[in-house]
N, C-alpha and C. Protein backbone atom coordinates (compact mmCIF):
# COMPACT_ATOMS: atom_id res chain seq x y z
N UNK A 1 0.96 -1.21 0.14
CA UNK A 1 0.20 -0.05 0.04
C UNK A 1 0.91 1.44 0.36
N UNK A 2 0.31 2.48 -1.05
CA UNK A 2 0.93 3.63 -1.12
C UNK A 2 1.27 4.37 0.45
N UNK A 3 1.93 4.80 0.94
CA UNK A 3 2.55 5.71 2.46
C UNK A 3 1.50 6.82 2.04
N UNK A 4 0.54 7.23 2.72
CA UNK A 4 0.22 8.67 2.70
C UNK A 4 1.42 9.87 2.43
N UNK A 5 2.16 10.10 2.34
CA UNK A 5 3.12 10.81 2.07
C UNK A 5 3.33 10.87 0.89
N UNK A 6 3.43 9.63 -0.12
CA UNK A 6 3.42 8.78 -1.45
C UNK A 6 1.84 9.87 -1.96
N UNK A 7 1.27 9.62 -1.32
CA UNK A 7 -0.36 9.81 -2.19
C UNK A 7 -0.46 11.11 -1.93
N UNK A 8 -0.05 11.99 -0.97
CA UNK A 8 0.04 13.43 -0.80
C UNK A 8 1.05 13.47 -1.87
N UNK A 9 2.21 13.70 -2.57
CA UNK A 9 2.76 13.91 -3.33
C UNK A 9 1.82 13.60 -4.94
N UNK A 10 1.82 12.63 -4.92
CA UNK A 10 1.24 12.25 -6.36
C UNK A 10 -0.18 13.18 -6.21
N UNK A 11 -0.83 13.49 -5.55
CA UNK A 11 -2.08 14.25 -5.27
C UNK A 11 -1.75 15.65 -5.46
N UNK A 12 -0.59 16.00 -4.88
CA UNK A 12 -0.35 17.43 -5.12
C UNK A 12 0.33 17.51 -7.10
N UNK A 13 0.86 17.16 -7.09
CA UNK A 13 1.20 16.75 -8.69
C UNK A 13 -0.20 16.95 -9.48
N UNK A 14 -1.19 16.00 -9.23
CA UNK A 14 -2.09 15.98 -9.82
C UNK A 14 -2.86 17.21 -9.96
N UNK A 15 -3.32 17.81 -8.92
CA UNK A 15 -3.64 19.45 -8.32
C UNK A 15 -3.19 20.08 -9.43
N UNK A 16 -1.76 20.11 -9.26
CA UNK A 16 -1.11 21.24 -9.62
C UNK A 16 -0.82 21.02 -11.34
N UNK A 17 -1.12 20.03 -11.45
CA UNK A 17 -1.29 19.86 -13.47
C UNK A 17 -2.49 20.44 -13.81
N UNK A 18 -3.98 19.98 -13.19
CA UNK A 18 -4.89 19.83 -13.33
C UNK A 18 -5.23 21.49 -13.35
N UNK A 19 -4.92 21.99 -12.63
CA UNK A 19 -4.97 23.97 -12.10
C UNK A 19 -4.05 24.51 -13.37
N UNK A 20 -3.25 24.31 -13.82
CA UNK A 20 -2.18 24.71 -14.82
C UNK A 20 -3.08 24.21 -16.07
N UNK A 21 -3.42 23.12 -16.21
CA UNK A 21 -4.07 23.27 -17.49
C UNK A 21 -5.51 24.10 -17.51
N UNK A 22 -5.98 24.17 -16.47
CA UNK A 22 -7.26 24.77 -16.52
C UNK A 22 -7.21 26.40 -16.75
N UNK A 23 -6.05 26.92 -16.15
CA UNK A 23 -5.59 27.95 -16.17
C UNK A 23 -5.05 28.56 -17.48
N UNK A 24 -4.12 27.32 -18.46
CA UNK A 24 -3.89 27.50 -19.87
C UNK A 24 -5.11 27.95 -20.86
N UNK A 25 -6.24 26.92 -20.59
CA UNK A 25 -7.10 26.49 -21.66
C UNK A 25 -8.46 27.41 -21.38
N UNK A 26 -7.85 28.57 -20.25
CA UNK A 26 -8.24 29.44 -19.84
C UNK A 26 -8.42 30.86 -20.56
N UNK A 27 -7.36 30.67 -20.93
CA UNK A 27 -6.69 31.75 -22.02
C UNK A 27 -7.56 31.84 -23.13
N UNK A 28 -7.05 30.35 -23.79
CA UNK A 28 -7.65 29.98 -25.08
C UNK A 28 -9.02 30.38 -25.13
N UNK A 29 -9.38 29.90 -24.08
CA UNK A 29 -11.07 30.20 -24.40
C UNK A 29 -11.62 31.48 -24.25
N UNK A 30 -10.65 32.48 -23.44
CA UNK A 30 -11.14 33.44 -23.52
C UNK A 30 -10.86 34.58 -24.95
N UNK A 31 -9.84 34.11 -25.95
CA UNK A 31 -9.25 34.35 -27.48
C UNK A 31 -10.78 34.18 -28.05
N UNK A 32 -10.89 32.60 -27.64
CA UNK A 32 -12.06 32.31 -28.75
C UNK A 32 -13.36 33.17 -28.50
N UNK A 33 -13.58 33.27 -27.46
CA UNK A 33 -14.87 33.63 -27.07
C UNK A 33 -14.92 35.33 -27.70
N UNK A 34 -13.75 35.90 -27.31
CA UNK A 34 -13.39 37.48 -28.01
C UNK A 34 -13.58 37.63 -29.62
N UNK A 35 -13.12 36.59 -29.85
CA UNK A 35 -13.36 36.47 -31.33
C UNK A 35 -14.84 36.03 -32.06
N UNK A 36 -15.40 34.67 -30.99
CA UNK A 36 -16.35 34.83 -31.74
C UNK A 36 -17.66 36.08 -31.24
N UNK A 37 -17.58 36.48 -30.02
CA UNK A 37 -18.30 37.99 -30.22
C UNK A 37 -18.54 39.27 -30.73
N UNK A 38 -16.99 39.09 -31.60
CA UNK A 38 -16.73 39.99 -32.80
C UNK A 38 -17.21 39.48 -33.86
N UNK A 39 -17.88 38.46 -34.24
CA UNK A 39 -17.92 37.70 -35.10
C UNK A 39 -19.73 37.86 -35.30
N UNK A 40 -20.39 37.89 -33.88
CA UNK A 40 -21.81 38.00 -33.66
C UNK A 40 -21.95 39.26 -33.55
N UNK A 41 -21.43 40.26 -33.28
CA UNK A 41 -21.39 41.90 -33.04
C UNK A 41 -21.22 42.48 -34.72
N UNK A 42 -20.51 41.70 -35.68
CA UNK A 42 -20.58 42.42 -37.54
C UNK A 42 -21.34 41.40 -37.62
N UNK A 43 -22.28 40.42 -37.28
CA UNK A 43 -23.49 39.96 -37.84
C UNK A 43 -23.07 38.85 -38.93
N UNK A 44 -21.46 38.17 -38.26
CA UNK A 44 -21.28 37.00 -38.97
C UNK A 44 -21.16 35.62 -38.62
N UNK A 45 -21.22 34.87 -39.73
CA UNK A 45 -21.73 33.35 -38.70
C UNK A 45 -20.30 32.73 -38.39
N UNK A 46 -20.40 32.04 -37.62
CA UNK A 46 -19.33 31.20 -37.14
C UNK A 46 -19.77 29.88 -37.23
N UNK A 47 -18.86 29.23 -37.94
CA UNK A 47 -19.52 27.60 -38.45
C UNK A 47 -18.34 26.57 -37.84
N UNK A 48 -19.16 25.54 -37.02
CA UNK A 48 -18.51 24.47 -36.26
C UNK A 48 -16.95 24.31 -37.25
N UNK A 49 -16.60 24.76 -38.32
CA UNK A 49 -15.37 24.02 -38.73
C UNK A 49 -14.10 25.26 -38.66
N UNK A 50 -14.88 25.98 -37.47
CA UNK A 50 -13.83 27.06 -37.58
C UNK A 50 -13.85 28.55 -38.52
N UNK A 51 -14.55 28.39 -39.58
CA UNK A 51 -14.42 29.27 -40.74
C UNK A 51 -15.79 30.62 -40.42
N UNK A 52 -15.46 31.44 -41.06
CA UNK A 52 -16.64 32.53 -40.82
C UNK A 52 -17.42 32.91 -42.04
N UNK A 53 -18.53 32.55 -41.92
CA UNK A 53 -19.54 33.31 -42.75
C UNK A 53 -19.94 35.02 -42.68
N UNK A 54 -19.31 35.43 -43.77
CA UNK A 54 -20.07 37.08 -43.89
C UNK A 54 -20.73 37.70 -44.94
N UNK A 55 -21.61 38.14 -44.88
CA UNK A 55 -22.42 38.83 -45.94
C UNK A 55 -21.86 39.54 -47.07
N UNK A 56 -22.75 39.88 -48.08
CA UNK A 56 -22.06 40.39 -49.34
C UNK A 56 -22.35 41.85 -48.84
N UNK A 57 -21.62 42.69 -49.56
CA UNK A 57 -21.04 44.11 -49.51
C UNK A 57 -19.88 44.83 -50.37
N UNK A 58 -19.87 45.53 -50.68
CA UNK A 58 -18.97 46.54 -51.59
C UNK A 58 -19.88 46.29 -52.92
N UNK A 59 -18.92 46.92 -53.84
CA UNK A 59 -18.97 47.18 -55.03
C UNK A 59 -18.22 46.45 -56.13
N UNK A 60 -18.66 45.39 -57.14
CA UNK A 60 -17.87 44.84 -57.82
C UNK A 60 -17.44 46.10 -59.07
N UNK A 61 -16.11 46.29 -59.22
CA UNK A 61 -15.16 47.35 -60.35
C UNK A 61 -15.84 46.60 -61.89
N UNK A 62 -15.92 45.80 -61.93
CA UNK A 62 -16.50 45.31 -63.31
C UNK A 62 -17.80 45.36 -63.70
N UNK A 63 -18.54 45.05 -62.66
CA UNK A 63 -19.69 44.86 -62.96
C UNK A 63 -21.02 46.19 -62.21
N UNK A 64 -20.37 47.14 -61.12
CA UNK A 64 -21.12 47.62 -60.36
C UNK A 64 -22.00 46.73 -59.32
N UNK A 65 -22.02 45.66 -59.42
CA UNK A 65 -22.80 44.95 -58.33
C UNK A 65 -22.34 44.35 -57.13
N UNK A 66 -23.36 44.79 -56.36
CA UNK A 66 -22.82 44.17 -54.93
C UNK A 66 -21.76 42.86 -54.78
N UNK A 67 -20.58 42.97 -54.06
CA UNK A 67 -19.84 41.64 -54.00
C UNK A 67 -20.86 40.68 -52.97
N UNK A 68 -20.87 39.57 -53.62
CA UNK A 68 -21.49 38.22 -52.69
C UNK A 68 -20.44 38.09 -51.36
N UNK A 69 -21.09 37.55 -50.53
CA UNK A 69 -20.50 37.26 -49.20
C UNK A 69 -20.26 35.87 -49.46
N UNK A 70 -19.04 35.44 -48.52
CA UNK A 70 -18.75 34.38 -48.65
C UNK A 70 -17.78 33.30 -47.09
N UNK A 71 -17.00 32.55 -47.13
CA UNK A 71 -16.44 32.32 -45.86
C UNK A 71 -15.25 32.27 -46.16
N UNK A 72 -15.13 32.46 -44.73
CA UNK A 72 -13.49 33.19 -44.54
C UNK A 72 -12.92 31.68 -43.22
N UNK A 73 -11.14 31.32 -44.01
CA UNK A 73 -10.72 30.42 -43.34
C UNK A 73 -9.89 31.04 -42.36
N UNK A 74 -9.67 29.95 -41.30
CA UNK A 74 -8.46 30.67 -40.63
C UNK A 74 -7.52 29.94 -41.24
N UNK A 75 -6.12 30.43 -40.91
CA UNK A 75 -4.93 30.18 -41.65
C UNK A 75 -4.20 29.42 -40.26
N UNK A 76 -3.55 27.93 -40.21
CA UNK A 76 -3.16 27.89 -39.13
C UNK A 76 -1.62 27.62 -38.91
N UNK A 77 -0.63 28.05 -40.37
CA UNK A 77 0.23 28.11 -40.31
C UNK A 77 1.02 27.09 -40.45
N UNK A 78 0.13 25.91 -40.91
CA UNK A 78 0.84 24.98 -41.13
C UNK A 78 0.65 23.83 -42.50
N UNK A 79 2.01 23.35 -42.86
CA UNK A 79 1.82 23.14 -44.87
C UNK A 79 1.68 21.68 -44.79
N UNK A 80 0.16 21.62 -44.16
CA UNK A 80 -0.29 20.31 -44.84
C UNK A 80 -1.36 20.19 -44.67
N UNK A 81 -2.21 19.08 -44.52
CA UNK A 81 -3.93 18.99 -45.12
C UNK A 81 -4.57 19.25 -44.00
N UNK A 82 -3.65 20.17 -43.16
CA UNK A 82 -4.56 20.42 -41.76
C UNK A 82 -4.88 21.23 -42.35
N UNK A 83 -4.68 22.34 -42.86
CA UNK A 83 -4.56 23.89 -43.33
C UNK A 83 -5.80 23.89 -44.63
N UNK A 84 -6.74 24.55 -43.90
CA UNK A 84 -8.16 24.93 -45.06
C UNK A 84 -7.78 25.47 -46.14
N UNK A 85 -8.77 25.49 -47.33
CA UNK A 85 -8.54 25.73 -48.51
C UNK A 85 -9.92 26.82 -48.76
N UNK A 86 -9.26 28.10 -48.86
CA UNK A 86 -10.65 28.92 -49.11
C UNK A 86 -10.99 28.49 -50.67
N UNK A 87 -10.50 28.19 -51.47
CA UNK A 87 -11.56 27.88 -52.44
C UNK A 87 -12.42 26.77 -52.85
N UNK A 88 -12.29 25.49 -51.91
CA UNK A 88 -13.02 24.38 -51.94
C UNK A 88 -13.56 24.25 -50.69
N UNK A 89 -13.68 25.25 -49.89
CA UNK A 89 -14.27 25.01 -48.26
C UNK A 89 -13.80 23.65 -47.76
N UNK A 90 -13.23 22.93 -48.03
CA UNK A 90 -12.72 21.49 -47.94
C UNK A 90 -11.21 21.65 -47.03
N UNK A 91 -10.76 20.50 -46.19
CA UNK A 91 -9.57 20.67 -45.97
C UNK A 91 -8.62 20.88 -47.02
N UNK A 92 -7.44 21.52 -47.27
CA UNK A 92 -6.35 21.16 -48.21
C UNK A 92 -4.95 21.80 -47.80
N UNK A 93 -4.20 21.95 -49.12
CA UNK A 93 -2.80 22.25 -48.62
C UNK A 93 -2.70 23.83 -48.35
N UNK A 94 -1.62 23.98 -47.91
CA UNK A 94 -0.91 25.46 -48.13
C UNK A 94 -1.09 26.02 -49.38
N UNK A 95 -1.53 27.42 -49.11
CA UNK A 95 -1.48 28.04 -50.65
C UNK A 95 -0.38 29.55 -50.67
N UNK A 96 0.76 28.70 -50.89
CA UNK A 96 2.13 29.58 -51.04
C UNK A 96 1.66 31.26 -51.63
N UNK A 97 1.86 32.09 -51.43
CA UNK A 97 1.20 33.61 -51.47
C UNK A 97 0.09 34.27 -50.42
N UNK A 98 -0.18 33.17 -49.85
CA UNK A 98 -1.55 33.72 -49.23
C UNK A 98 -1.33 34.12 -47.49
N UNK A 99 0.05 33.99 -47.30
CA UNK A 99 0.84 34.12 -45.77
C UNK A 99 0.72 35.37 -46.07
N UNK A 100 1.23 36.36 -44.83
CA UNK A 100 1.68 37.93 -44.35
C UNK A 100 2.46 37.96 -45.43
N UNK A 101 2.58 38.93 -46.00
CA UNK A 101 3.17 39.98 -46.78
C UNK A 101 3.27 38.92 -48.32
N UNK A 102 2.66 37.96 -48.52
CA UNK A 102 2.49 37.37 -50.06
C UNK A 102 1.63 38.22 -50.92
N UNK A 103 2.00 37.77 -51.76
CA UNK A 103 0.85 38.56 -52.98
C UNK A 103 -0.17 37.51 -52.95
N UNK A 104 -1.30 38.41 -53.23
CA UNK A 104 -2.83 37.54 -52.92
C UNK A 104 -3.74 38.26 -53.68
N UNK A 105 -4.78 37.67 -54.13
CA UNK A 105 -5.91 38.70 -54.72
C UNK A 105 -6.53 39.05 -53.45
N UNK A 106 -7.19 40.49 -53.82
CA UNK A 106 -7.79 41.04 -52.29
C UNK A 106 -8.87 41.26 -53.01
N UNK A 107 -9.80 40.48 -51.64
CA UNK A 107 -11.17 40.24 -51.97
C UNK A 107 -12.19 41.76 -52.01
N UNK A 108 -12.49 42.33 -52.88
CA UNK A 108 -13.21 43.43 -52.99
C UNK A 108 -14.21 43.80 -51.73
N UNK A 109 -14.65 42.62 -51.28
CA UNK A 109 -15.92 42.46 -50.07
C UNK A 109 -15.13 42.99 -49.00
N UNK A 110 -16.05 44.41 -48.57
CA UNK A 110 -15.12 44.75 -47.31
C UNK A 110 -15.34 44.23 -45.92
N UNK A 111 -15.89 43.05 -45.46
CA UNK A 111 -16.16 42.17 -44.72
C UNK A 111 -15.32 41.40 -44.68
N UNK A 112 -14.59 40.49 -45.89
CA UNK A 112 -13.73 39.81 -46.28
C UNK A 112 -12.48 39.78 -45.32
N UNK A 113 -12.20 40.81 -44.57
CA UNK A 113 -10.61 40.99 -44.14
C UNK A 113 -11.26 40.83 -42.40
N UNK A 114 -11.90 41.17 -42.20
CA UNK A 114 -12.43 41.25 -40.65
C UNK A 114 -12.90 39.81 -40.45
N UNK A 115 -13.49 39.18 -41.57
CA UNK A 115 -13.72 37.64 -41.13
C UNK A 115 -12.86 36.67 -41.19
N UNK A 116 -11.75 36.93 -42.09
CA UNK A 116 -10.43 36.26 -42.25
C UNK A 116 -9.39 36.51 -40.87
N UNK A 117 -9.54 37.95 -40.59
CA UNK A 117 -8.70 38.15 -39.05
C UNK A 117 -9.51 36.98 -37.84
N UNK A 118 -10.86 37.31 -37.87
CA UNK A 118 -11.93 36.51 -36.68
C UNK A 118 -11.19 34.93 -37.11
N UNK A 119 -11.63 34.55 -38.23
CA UNK A 119 -11.69 32.83 -38.73
C UNK A 119 -9.97 32.75 -37.96
N UNK A 120 -8.78 33.52 -38.35
CA UNK A 120 -7.55 33.14 -37.70
C UNK A 120 -7.69 33.32 -36.30
N UNK A 121 -8.03 33.97 -36.02
CA UNK A 121 -8.26 34.15 -34.20
C UNK A 121 -8.45 32.90 -33.55
N UNK A 122 -9.93 32.59 -34.45
CA UNK A 122 -10.32 31.11 -33.71
C UNK A 122 -9.60 30.24 -33.88
N UNK A 123 -9.26 29.92 -35.03
CA UNK A 123 -7.86 28.87 -35.20
C UNK A 123 -6.67 28.75 -34.27
N UNK A 124 -6.19 29.67 -34.22
CA UNK A 124 -5.25 30.18 -33.16
C UNK A 124 -5.51 29.64 -31.94
N UNK A 125 -6.92 30.22 -31.27
CA UNK A 125 -6.89 29.27 -30.19
C UNK A 125 -7.55 28.48 -29.61
N UNK A 126 -8.02 27.65 -31.07
CA UNK A 126 -8.05 26.21 -30.92
C UNK A 126 -7.23 25.11 -31.02
N UNK A 127 -6.17 25.59 -32.02
CA UNK A 127 -4.95 24.97 -31.98
C UNK A 127 -4.08 25.11 -30.76
N UNK A 128 -3.78 26.22 -30.13
CA UNK A 128 -3.12 26.46 -28.63
C UNK A 128 -3.59 25.66 -27.90
N UNK A 129 -5.11 25.76 -27.80
CA UNK A 129 -5.89 24.42 -26.58
C UNK A 129 -5.48 23.18 -26.74
N UNK A 130 -5.59 22.82 -28.38
CA UNK A 130 -5.17 21.26 -28.73
C UNK A 130 -3.65 21.18 -27.78
N UNK A 131 -3.04 21.70 -28.30
CA UNK A 131 -1.66 21.73 -28.04
C UNK A 131 -1.07 21.52 -26.45
N UNK A 132 -2.19 22.39 -25.57
CA UNK A 132 -2.20 22.15 -24.30
C UNK A 132 -2.93 21.05 -23.17
N UNK A 133 -3.59 20.45 -24.30
CA UNK A 133 -4.19 19.69 -23.57
C UNK A 133 -3.36 17.90 -23.94
N UNK A 134 -2.81 18.40 -25.11
CA UNK A 134 -1.90 17.25 -25.35
C UNK A 134 -0.62 16.81 -24.76
N UNK A 135 -0.24 18.24 -24.30
CA UNK A 135 1.34 18.49 -23.00
C UNK A 135 0.84 17.75 -21.38
N UNK A 136 -0.57 18.22 -21.30
CA UNK A 136 -0.88 17.88 -19.86
C UNK A 136 -1.37 16.62 -19.81
N UNK A 137 -2.04 16.26 -20.90
CA UNK A 137 -2.36 14.72 -21.02
C UNK A 137 -1.06 14.02 -20.58
N UNK A 138 -0.02 13.67 -21.67
CA UNK A 138 1.21 13.57 -21.25
C UNK A 138 1.86 13.57 -19.97
N UNK A 139 1.66 14.88 -19.12
CA UNK A 139 2.19 14.73 -17.76
C UNK A 139 1.38 14.06 -16.62
N UNK A 140 0.15 13.82 -17.05
CA UNK A 140 -0.87 13.19 -16.10
C UNK A 140 -0.68 11.87 -16.39
N UNK A 141 -0.44 11.68 -17.78
CA UNK A 141 -0.61 10.04 -17.97
C UNK A 141 0.71 9.40 -17.03
N UNK A 142 1.52 10.01 -17.11
CA UNK A 142 2.92 9.16 -16.12
C UNK A 142 2.66 9.68 -14.48
N UNK A 143 1.87 10.12 -14.74
CA UNK A 143 1.62 9.60 -12.85
C UNK A 143 0.73 8.89 -12.26
N UNK A 144 0.71 7.60 -13.08
CA UNK A 144 -0.19 6.56 -12.55
C UNK A 144 1.17 5.63 -11.81
N UNK A 145 0.08 5.49 -10.72
CA UNK A 145 0.67 4.21 -9.98
C UNK A 145 0.38 2.80 -9.79
N UNK A 146 0.81 1.63 -9.79
CA UNK A 146 0.77 0.55 -9.70
C UNK A 146 0.08 0.22 -8.42
N UNK A 147 -1.08 -0.88 -8.58
CA UNK A 147 -1.71 -1.01 -7.36
C UNK A 147 -1.27 -1.78 -6.49
N UNK A 148 -0.94 -1.64 -5.42
CA UNK A 148 -0.23 -1.91 -4.28
C UNK A 148 1.36 -1.68 -3.94
N UNK A 149 1.60 -0.84 -4.49
CA UNK A 149 2.76 0.00 -4.85
C UNK A 149 3.51 0.07 -2.92
N UNK A 150 4.91 -0.66 -3.24
CA UNK A 150 5.59 -0.29 -1.76
C UNK A 150 6.64 1.03 -2.07
N UNK A 151 6.21 1.84 -1.26
CA UNK A 151 7.04 3.09 -1.39
C UNK A 151 8.41 2.66 -0.40
N UNK A 152 9.49 2.56 -1.51
CA UNK A 152 10.85 2.60 -1.49
C UNK A 152 11.44 3.80 -1.79
N UNK A 153 13.06 3.74 -2.10
CA UNK A 153 14.07 4.48 -2.81
C UNK A 153 13.52 4.77 -3.85
N UNK A 154 13.15 3.97 -4.21
CA UNK A 154 12.38 3.95 -6.23
C UNK A 154 11.91 4.50 -6.39
N UNK A 155 10.57 4.45 -5.78
CA UNK A 155 9.18 5.00 -5.45
C UNK A 155 9.41 6.59 -5.40
N UNK A 156 10.23 6.71 -4.64
CA UNK A 156 10.48 8.45 -4.35
C UNK A 156 11.35 9.06 -5.52
N UNK A 157 12.40 8.35 -5.98
CA UNK A 157 13.16 8.40 -7.40
C UNK A 157 11.91 8.53 -8.50
N UNK A 158 10.95 7.72 -8.45
CA UNK A 158 9.70 7.94 -9.68
C UNK A 158 9.09 9.26 -9.27
N UNK A 159 8.81 9.74 -8.23
CA UNK A 159 7.69 10.84 -7.67
C UNK A 159 8.75 12.09 -8.01
N UNK A 160 10.31 11.90 -7.85
CA UNK A 160 11.31 13.44 -8.08
C UNK A 160 10.67 13.40 -9.69
N UNK A 161 10.94 12.34 -10.52
CA UNK A 161 10.86 12.14 -11.81
C UNK A 161 9.32 12.81 -12.08
N UNK A 162 8.14 12.76 -11.62
CA UNK A 162 7.07 12.82 -11.93
C UNK A 162 7.16 14.68 -11.54
N UNK A 163 7.75 14.75 -10.52
CA UNK A 163 7.92 16.46 -10.42
C UNK A 163 8.78 17.39 -11.68
N UNK A 164 9.57 16.79 -11.72
CA UNK A 164 10.20 17.00 -13.36
C UNK A 164 9.62 17.07 -14.59
N UNK A 165 8.69 16.17 -14.76
CA UNK A 165 7.42 16.06 -15.91
C UNK A 165 6.51 16.96 -15.73
N UNK A 166 5.55 17.08 -14.52
CA UNK A 166 4.92 18.00 -14.37
C UNK A 166 5.53 19.67 -14.24
N UNK A 167 6.16 20.07 -14.07
CA UNK A 167 7.22 21.12 -14.18
C UNK A 167 7.59 21.73 -15.66
N UNK A 168 8.14 20.32 -16.28
CA UNK A 168 8.14 21.05 -17.25
C UNK A 168 6.61 21.08 -18.33
N UNK A 169 5.67 20.25 -17.92
CA UNK A 169 4.33 20.63 -18.62
C UNK A 169 4.03 22.21 -18.29
N UNK A 170 4.18 22.34 -16.66
CA UNK A 170 3.64 23.57 -16.63
C UNK A 170 4.30 24.67 -16.72
N UNK A 171 5.52 24.89 -17.09
CA UNK A 171 6.50 26.13 -17.11
C UNK A 171 5.57 26.84 -18.06
N UNK A 172 4.70 26.99 -19.25
CA UNK A 172 4.49 28.14 -19.78
C UNK A 172 3.63 28.70 -18.63
N UNK A 173 2.78 27.95 -17.66
CA UNK A 173 1.78 28.48 -16.82
C UNK A 173 2.61 29.07 -15.74
N UNK A 174 3.41 28.93 -15.29
CA UNK A 174 4.04 28.78 -13.95
C UNK A 174 5.18 30.21 -14.46
N UNK A 175 5.37 30.56 -15.59
CA UNK A 175 6.10 32.09 -15.97
C UNK A 175 5.17 32.59 -15.68
N UNK A 176 4.30 33.16 -16.55
CA UNK A 176 2.95 33.55 -16.32
C UNK A 176 2.58 33.81 -14.94
N UNK A 177 2.69 33.10 -14.16
CA UNK A 177 2.12 33.09 -12.36
C UNK A 177 2.96 33.29 -11.51
N UNK A 178 4.59 33.26 -11.20
CA UNK A 178 5.41 33.60 -10.78
C UNK A 178 6.08 34.80 -11.15
N UNK A 179 6.17 35.70 -9.94
CA UNK A 179 6.14 37.02 -10.30
C UNK A 179 7.84 37.07 -10.57
N UNK A 180 8.34 37.58 -11.36
CA UNK A 180 10.11 37.90 -11.48
C UNK A 180 10.78 38.67 -10.33
N UNK A 181 11.83 38.98 -10.40
CA UNK A 181 12.26 39.52 -9.66
C UNK A 181 12.28 41.02 -9.88
N UNK A 182 12.21 41.30 -11.05
CA UNK A 182 12.07 42.70 -11.19
C UNK A 182 10.95 43.70 -11.56
N UNK A 183 9.92 42.84 -11.03
CA UNK A 183 8.68 42.87 -11.38
C UNK A 183 7.96 43.22 -9.68
N UNK A 184 9.27 42.80 -8.32
CA UNK A 184 8.51 42.29 -7.23
C UNK A 184 8.92 44.14 -6.86
N UNK A 185 7.89 44.74 -5.82
CA UNK A 185 7.99 46.04 -4.67
C UNK A 185 8.30 45.49 -3.38
N UNK A 186 9.46 45.94 -3.37
CA UNK A 186 9.81 45.34 -1.76
C UNK A 186 9.95 46.67 -0.81
N UNK A 187 9.43 46.73 0.17
CA UNK A 187 9.22 48.46 0.92
C UNK A 187 8.31 49.39 0.32
N UNK A 188 8.22 50.08 1.57
CA UNK A 188 7.41 51.20 1.10
C UNK A 188 7.58 52.23 -0.51
N UNK A 189 6.67 52.61 -0.97
CA UNK A 189 6.27 53.61 -1.99
C UNK A 189 6.82 54.60 -1.92
């Protein structure tokens, strides 16, 4: 049977991990909700796949008619099939020239740029949340103890290893939560 000290150490690691996970995910949730609020305020449609539908607007220089609305897809910055292709509405490969500073066709619809910005923000928040989830899942997965575990020197070495693993996973969270020396104020102002 595991000792009370061993149980407390493991529970503390689990609690710290879950707290870090919740804090980091809350930040991405905030970014996502801000993007979705912006979409709603502009009357745009947020789709399940993270794309943003926008209405007709502007005037075509060729025909003089209103430019139709469409769907903007978030750029995830990856060069693989997880990158959405605006032309197909499906998952496609990265399109060279559509990134920052690249040559691209500019939509005459004034809603497109706003919808694209929102879709990029949605994609970013979701991808970051997935990365955070994977990182903490890996750390928590290593905290499993075998039934009937005897606490000995090897067990305490394993606890120390678990502390290192959780610490590495939580480092981005800890950097934001622990005050730096240059931000501390000591004494009267």
